[in-house]
N, C-alpha and C. Protein backbone atom coordinates (compact mmCIF):
# COMPACT_ATOMS: atom_id res chain seq x y z
N UNK A 1 14.27 10.42 1.15
CA UNK A 1 13.88 10.24 2.53
C UNK A 1 14.71 9.11 3.12
N UNK A 2 14.71 9.03 4.41
CA UNK A 2 15.48 8.00 5.08
C UNK A 2 14.57 7.12 5.91
N UNK A 3 15.09 6.00 6.33
CA UNK A 3 14.38 5.16 7.27
C UNK A 3 13.28 4.30 6.68
N UNK A 4 13.32 4.03 5.39
CA UNK A 4 12.28 3.20 4.79
C UNK A 4 12.65 1.74 4.90
N UNK A 5 11.62 0.91 4.92
CA UNK A 5 11.81 -0.52 4.97
C UNK A 5 10.56 -1.14 4.39
N UNK A 6 10.71 -1.96 3.36
CA UNK A 6 9.53 -2.59 2.78
C UNK A 6 8.94 -3.61 3.72
N UNK A 7 9.67 -4.00 4.75
CA UNK A 7 9.12 -4.80 5.83
C UNK A 7 8.93 -6.25 5.50
N UNK A 8 8.35 -6.92 6.45
CA UNK A 8 8.12 -8.36 6.36
C UNK A 8 6.95 -8.65 5.45
N UNK A 9 6.99 -9.81 4.86
CA UNK A 9 5.89 -10.30 4.04
C UNK A 9 5.35 -11.55 4.71
N UNK A 10 4.09 -11.48 5.12
CA UNK A 10 3.44 -12.63 5.74
C UNK A 10 2.55 -13.30 4.71
N UNK A 11 2.65 -14.60 4.59
CA UNK A 11 1.84 -15.34 3.63
C UNK A 11 0.98 -16.36 4.35
N UNK A 12 -0.28 -16.41 3.95
CA UNK A 12 -1.18 -17.40 4.51
C UNK A 12 -2.19 -17.75 3.43
N UNK A 13 -1.95 -18.87 2.76
CA UNK A 13 -2.85 -19.28 1.68
C UNK A 13 -2.89 -18.26 0.57
N UNK A 14 -4.06 -17.74 0.30
CA UNK A 14 -4.24 -16.76 -0.78
C UNK A 14 -4.00 -15.33 -0.33
N UNK A 15 -3.51 -15.13 0.90
CA UNK A 15 -3.35 -13.79 1.45
C UNK A 15 -1.87 -13.47 1.66
N UNK A 16 -1.47 -12.28 1.19
CA UNK A 16 -0.13 -11.76 1.45
C UNK A 16 -0.29 -10.45 2.22
N UNK A 17 0.49 -10.28 3.27
CA UNK A 17 0.44 -9.05 4.06
C UNK A 17 1.83 -8.43 4.09
N UNK A 18 1.93 -7.20 3.63
CA UNK A 18 3.19 -6.45 3.66
C UNK A 18 3.16 -5.49 4.83
N UNK A 19 4.31 -5.32 5.47
CA UNK A 19 4.43 -4.43 6.63
C UNK A 19 5.54 -3.40 6.39
N UNK A 20 5.34 -2.44 5.48
CA UNK A 20 6.38 -1.43 5.27
C UNK A 20 6.47 -0.49 6.46
N UNK A 21 7.61 0.18 6.58
CA UNK A 21 7.76 1.15 7.65
C UNK A 21 8.65 2.29 7.20
N UNK A 22 8.45 3.44 7.81
CA UNK A 22 9.28 4.60 7.52
C UNK A 22 8.65 5.52 6.49
N UNK A 23 9.51 6.17 5.71
CA UNK A 23 9.11 7.19 4.75
C UNK A 23 9.31 6.68 3.34
N UNK A 24 8.33 6.96 2.49
CA UNK A 24 8.43 6.58 1.08
C UNK A 24 8.14 7.79 0.21
N UNK A 25 9.01 8.01 -0.78
CA UNK A 25 8.82 9.10 -1.73
C UNK A 25 9.37 8.65 -3.08
N UNK A 26 9.53 9.60 -4.00
CA UNK A 26 9.96 9.23 -5.35
C UNK A 26 11.36 8.60 -5.38
N UNK A 27 12.16 8.83 -4.36
CA UNK A 27 13.50 8.26 -4.33
C UNK A 27 13.51 6.78 -3.99
N UNK A 28 12.47 6.29 -3.32
CA UNK A 28 12.50 4.89 -2.89
C UNK A 28 11.18 4.16 -3.05
N UNK A 29 10.17 4.78 -3.66
CA UNK A 29 8.87 4.11 -3.79
C UNK A 29 8.95 2.83 -4.61
N UNK A 30 9.98 2.73 -5.46
CA UNK A 30 10.08 1.53 -6.29
C UNK A 30 10.31 0.28 -5.44
N UNK A 31 10.96 0.43 -4.29
CA UNK A 31 11.16 -0.72 -3.41
C UNK A 31 9.82 -1.26 -2.92
N UNK A 32 8.93 -0.36 -2.52
CA UNK A 32 7.60 -0.77 -2.08
C UNK A 32 6.79 -1.30 -3.25
N UNK A 33 6.93 -0.65 -4.40
CA UNK A 33 6.23 -1.09 -5.60
C UNK A 33 6.59 -2.52 -5.97
N UNK A 34 7.87 -2.83 -5.93
CA UNK A 34 8.33 -4.19 -6.27
C UNK A 34 7.74 -5.21 -5.31
N UNK A 35 7.72 -4.89 -4.03
CA UNK A 35 7.17 -5.81 -3.03
C UNK A 35 5.68 -6.05 -3.28
N UNK A 36 4.93 -4.98 -3.55
CA UNK A 36 3.49 -5.12 -3.81
C UNK A 36 3.26 -5.90 -5.09
N UNK A 37 3.97 -5.53 -6.15
CA UNK A 37 3.76 -6.21 -7.44
C UNK A 37 4.12 -7.69 -7.34
N UNK A 38 5.18 -8.01 -6.62
CA UNK A 38 5.56 -9.42 -6.45
C UNK A 38 4.43 -10.19 -5.76
N UNK A 39 3.85 -9.60 -4.72
CA UNK A 39 2.75 -10.27 -4.02
C UNK A 39 1.55 -10.46 -4.94
N UNK A 40 1.27 -9.45 -5.76
CA UNK A 40 0.12 -9.53 -6.68
C UNK A 40 0.35 -10.58 -7.76
N UNK A 41 1.51 -10.55 -8.41
CA UNK A 41 1.72 -11.48 -9.52
C UNK A 41 2.02 -12.90 -9.06
N UNK A 42 2.24 -13.08 -7.77
CA UNK A 42 2.47 -14.43 -7.23
C UNK A 42 1.18 -15.22 -7.08
N UNK A 43 0.06 -14.61 -7.43
CA UNK A 43 -1.21 -15.32 -7.43
C UNK A 43 -2.04 -15.19 -6.17
N UNK A 44 -1.65 -14.34 -5.26
CA UNK A 44 -2.47 -14.13 -4.06
C UNK A 44 -3.77 -13.45 -4.43
N UNK A 45 -4.84 -13.84 -3.79
CA UNK A 45 -6.16 -13.27 -4.06
C UNK A 45 -6.37 -11.98 -3.28
N UNK A 46 -5.63 -11.82 -2.18
CA UNK A 46 -5.72 -10.62 -1.35
C UNK A 46 -4.31 -10.21 -0.96
N UNK A 47 -3.98 -8.94 -1.23
CA UNK A 47 -2.71 -8.37 -0.80
C UNK A 47 -3.03 -7.20 0.12
N UNK A 48 -2.61 -7.31 1.37
CA UNK A 48 -2.85 -6.28 2.37
C UNK A 48 -1.53 -5.57 2.63
N UNK A 49 -1.59 -4.23 2.58
CA UNK A 49 -0.41 -3.43 2.89
C UNK A 49 -0.71 -2.69 4.19
N UNK A 50 -0.04 -3.11 5.26
CA UNK A 50 -0.25 -2.54 6.58
C UNK A 50 0.60 -1.28 6.72
N UNK A 51 -0.05 -0.11 6.65
CA UNK A 51 0.64 1.18 6.70
C UNK A 51 0.83 1.69 8.12
N UNK A 52 0.65 0.84 9.12
CA UNK A 52 0.73 1.27 10.51
C UNK A 52 2.05 1.90 10.90
N UNK A 53 3.14 1.54 10.23
CA UNK A 53 4.46 2.08 10.55
C UNK A 53 4.99 3.02 9.46
N UNK A 54 4.15 3.38 8.49
CA UNK A 54 4.57 4.31 7.43
C UNK A 54 4.30 5.72 7.91
N UNK A 55 5.32 6.56 7.89
CA UNK A 55 5.21 7.91 8.44
C UNK A 55 5.10 9.00 7.39
N UNK A 56 5.43 8.70 6.14
CA UNK A 56 5.37 9.71 5.08
C UNK A 56 5.21 9.04 3.74
N UNK A 57 4.38 9.63 2.88
CA UNK A 57 4.29 9.25 1.47
C UNK A 57 4.13 10.52 0.66
N UNK A 58 4.54 10.47 -0.61
CA UNK A 58 4.34 11.61 -1.48
C UNK A 58 3.51 11.18 -2.69
N UNK A 59 3.37 12.09 -3.65
CA UNK A 59 2.53 11.83 -4.82
C UNK A 59 3.00 10.63 -5.63
N UNK A 60 4.30 10.38 -5.66
CA UNK A 60 4.78 9.23 -6.42
C UNK A 60 4.29 7.92 -5.81
N UNK A 61 4.14 7.89 -4.50
CA UNK A 61 3.63 6.69 -3.83
C UNK A 61 2.14 6.52 -4.12
N UNK A 62 1.40 7.62 -4.11
CA UNK A 62 -0.02 7.56 -4.46
C UNK A 62 -0.18 7.01 -5.88
N UNK A 63 0.62 7.53 -6.80
CA UNK A 63 0.56 7.07 -8.20
C UNK A 63 0.88 5.58 -8.27
N UNK A 64 1.92 5.14 -7.54
CA UNK A 64 2.30 3.74 -7.54
C UNK A 64 1.19 2.87 -6.96
N UNK A 65 0.56 3.33 -5.87
CA UNK A 65 -0.53 2.56 -5.27
C UNK A 65 -1.71 2.41 -6.22
N UNK A 66 -2.05 3.48 -6.94
CA UNK A 66 -3.15 3.40 -7.90
C UNK A 66 -2.80 2.49 -9.07
N UNK A 67 -1.56 2.52 -9.52
CA UNK A 67 -1.10 1.61 -10.57
C UNK A 67 -1.16 0.17 -10.06
N UNK A 68 -0.73 -0.04 -8.83
CA UNK A 68 -0.76 -1.38 -8.23
C UNK A 68 -2.20 -1.88 -8.10
N UNK A 69 -3.11 -0.98 -7.77
CA UNK A 69 -4.53 -1.36 -7.69
C UNK A 69 -5.03 -1.84 -9.04
N UNK A 70 -4.70 -1.12 -10.10
CA UNK A 70 -5.13 -1.54 -11.45
C UNK A 70 -4.53 -2.90 -11.81
N UNK A 71 -3.25 -3.11 -11.48
CA UNK A 71 -2.62 -4.41 -11.73
C UNK A 71 -3.34 -5.51 -10.96
N UNK A 72 -3.60 -5.26 -9.69
CA UNK A 72 -4.28 -6.27 -8.87
C UNK A 72 -5.64 -6.61 -9.44
N UNK A 73 -6.41 -5.58 -9.77
CA UNK A 73 -7.76 -5.82 -10.33
C UNK A 73 -7.69 -6.61 -11.63
N UNK A 74 -6.69 -6.35 -12.45
CA UNK A 74 -6.57 -7.06 -13.72
C UNK A 74 -6.22 -8.54 -13.52
N UNK A 75 -5.69 -8.86 -12.35
CA UNK A 75 -5.30 -10.25 -12.05
C UNK A 75 -6.26 -10.92 -11.07
N UNK A 76 -7.41 -10.27 -10.81
CA UNK A 76 -8.41 -10.85 -9.92
C UNK A 76 -7.98 -10.83 -8.46
N UNK A 77 -7.16 -9.87 -8.11
CA UNK A 77 -6.63 -9.75 -6.76
C UNK A 77 -7.19 -8.49 -6.11
N UNK A 78 -7.38 -8.54 -4.80
CA UNK A 78 -7.82 -7.37 -4.04
C UNK A 78 -6.59 -6.79 -3.34
N UNK A 79 -6.37 -5.49 -3.53
CA UNK A 79 -5.28 -4.78 -2.85
C UNK A 79 -5.90 -3.84 -1.84
N UNK A 80 -5.45 -3.95 -0.60
CA UNK A 80 -6.06 -3.16 0.47
C UNK A 80 -4.98 -2.54 1.35
N UNK A 81 -5.15 -1.26 1.69
CA UNK A 81 -4.31 -0.59 2.68
C UNK A 81 -5.04 -0.65 4.01
N UNK A 82 -4.32 -0.94 5.08
CA UNK A 82 -4.90 -0.95 6.42
C UNK A 82 -3.99 -0.18 7.37
N UNK A 83 -4.56 0.23 8.50
CA UNK A 83 -3.83 0.94 9.55
C UNK A 83 -3.12 2.20 9.05
N UNK A 84 -3.79 2.92 8.16
CA UNK A 84 -3.22 4.16 7.63
C UNK A 84 -3.41 5.25 8.68
N UNK A 85 -2.31 5.87 9.10
CA UNK A 85 -2.37 6.88 10.14
C UNK A 85 -1.50 8.08 9.77
N UNK A 86 -1.57 9.10 10.60
CA UNK A 86 -0.70 10.27 10.53
C UNK A 86 -0.74 10.93 9.16
N UNK A 87 0.42 11.34 8.68
CA UNK A 87 0.50 12.08 7.42
C UNK A 87 -0.04 11.28 6.23
N UNK A 88 0.28 9.99 6.08
CA UNK A 88 -0.32 9.25 4.97
C UNK A 88 -1.85 9.30 4.98
N UNK A 89 -2.44 9.24 6.15
CA UNK A 89 -3.90 9.32 6.25
C UNK A 89 -4.40 10.68 5.77
N UNK A 90 -3.75 11.74 6.18
CA UNK A 90 -4.14 13.09 5.75
C UNK A 90 -4.03 13.24 4.24
N UNK A 91 -2.98 12.69 3.67
CA UNK A 91 -2.79 12.79 2.22
C UNK A 91 -3.87 12.02 1.48
N UNK A 92 -4.17 10.79 1.91
CA UNK A 92 -5.22 10.01 1.24
C UNK A 92 -6.56 10.70 1.34
N UNK A 93 -6.86 11.27 2.51
CA UNK A 93 -8.13 11.99 2.67
C UNK A 93 -8.18 13.23 1.79
N UNK A 94 -7.09 14.00 1.76
CA UNK A 94 -7.05 15.23 0.97
C UNK A 94 -7.27 14.93 -0.51
N UNK A 95 -6.75 13.80 -0.96
CA UNK A 95 -6.90 13.41 -2.37
C UNK A 95 -8.18 12.62 -2.61
N UNK A 96 -8.96 12.43 -1.56
CA UNK A 96 -10.23 11.69 -1.62
C UNK A 96 -10.04 10.29 -2.20
N UNK A 97 -8.98 9.64 -1.73
CA UNK A 97 -8.72 8.26 -2.14
C UNK A 97 -9.32 7.35 -1.09
N UNK A 98 -10.22 6.52 -1.52
CA UNK A 98 -10.90 5.60 -0.61
C UNK A 98 -11.04 4.25 -1.25
N UNK A 99 -12.22 3.65 -1.10
CA UNK A 99 -12.44 2.34 -1.69
C UNK A 99 -12.20 2.39 -3.20
N UNK A 100 -11.70 1.34 -3.77
CA UNK A 100 -11.51 0.02 -3.17
C UNK A 100 -10.16 -0.16 -2.47
N UNK A 101 -9.24 0.80 -2.59
CA UNK A 101 -7.91 0.56 -2.03
C UNK A 101 -7.83 0.83 -0.54
N UNK A 102 -8.62 1.77 -0.03
CA UNK A 102 -8.55 2.13 1.37
C UNK A 102 -9.93 2.47 1.87
N UNK A 103 -10.38 1.79 2.89
CA UNK A 103 -11.66 2.10 3.53
C UNK A 103 -11.39 3.02 4.69
N UNK A 104 -11.61 4.31 4.47
CA UNK A 104 -11.39 5.32 5.52
C UNK A 104 -12.31 5.01 6.68
N UNK A 105 -11.73 4.71 7.85
CA UNK A 105 -12.57 4.32 8.99
C UNK A 105 -13.29 5.49 9.66
N UNK A 106 -12.96 6.73 9.28
CA UNK A 106 -13.59 7.87 9.95
C UNK A 106 -15.02 8.04 9.47
N UNK A 107 -15.90 8.51 10.34
CA UNK A 107 -17.30 8.70 9.93
C UNK A 107 -17.44 9.86 8.96
N UNK A 108 -18.44 9.75 8.11
CA UNK A 108 -18.82 10.83 7.22
C UNK A 108 -17.86 11.07 6.15
């Protein structure tokens, strides 16, 4: 896929916020994985991944996110996806992926 960017990393105390953008699939998910893992192993208690500008993800990204969640939990860190929209939202819903990694804001 094209147009991916792991985005800016905002740090505030124990909180790290990643702002990836574009499309992520098996060809480039490792870039996002490295950014998330770095934030987790750096000792942050909360790592937020703002998916507001992510337009596409595939199964390799889902697998990476679930692996990242296990890593975060093992280190006493909370990993959270926010602002999930469009196709990534449909994929997460179809796979019934929710808490603790993503709190689906839709009712029911």
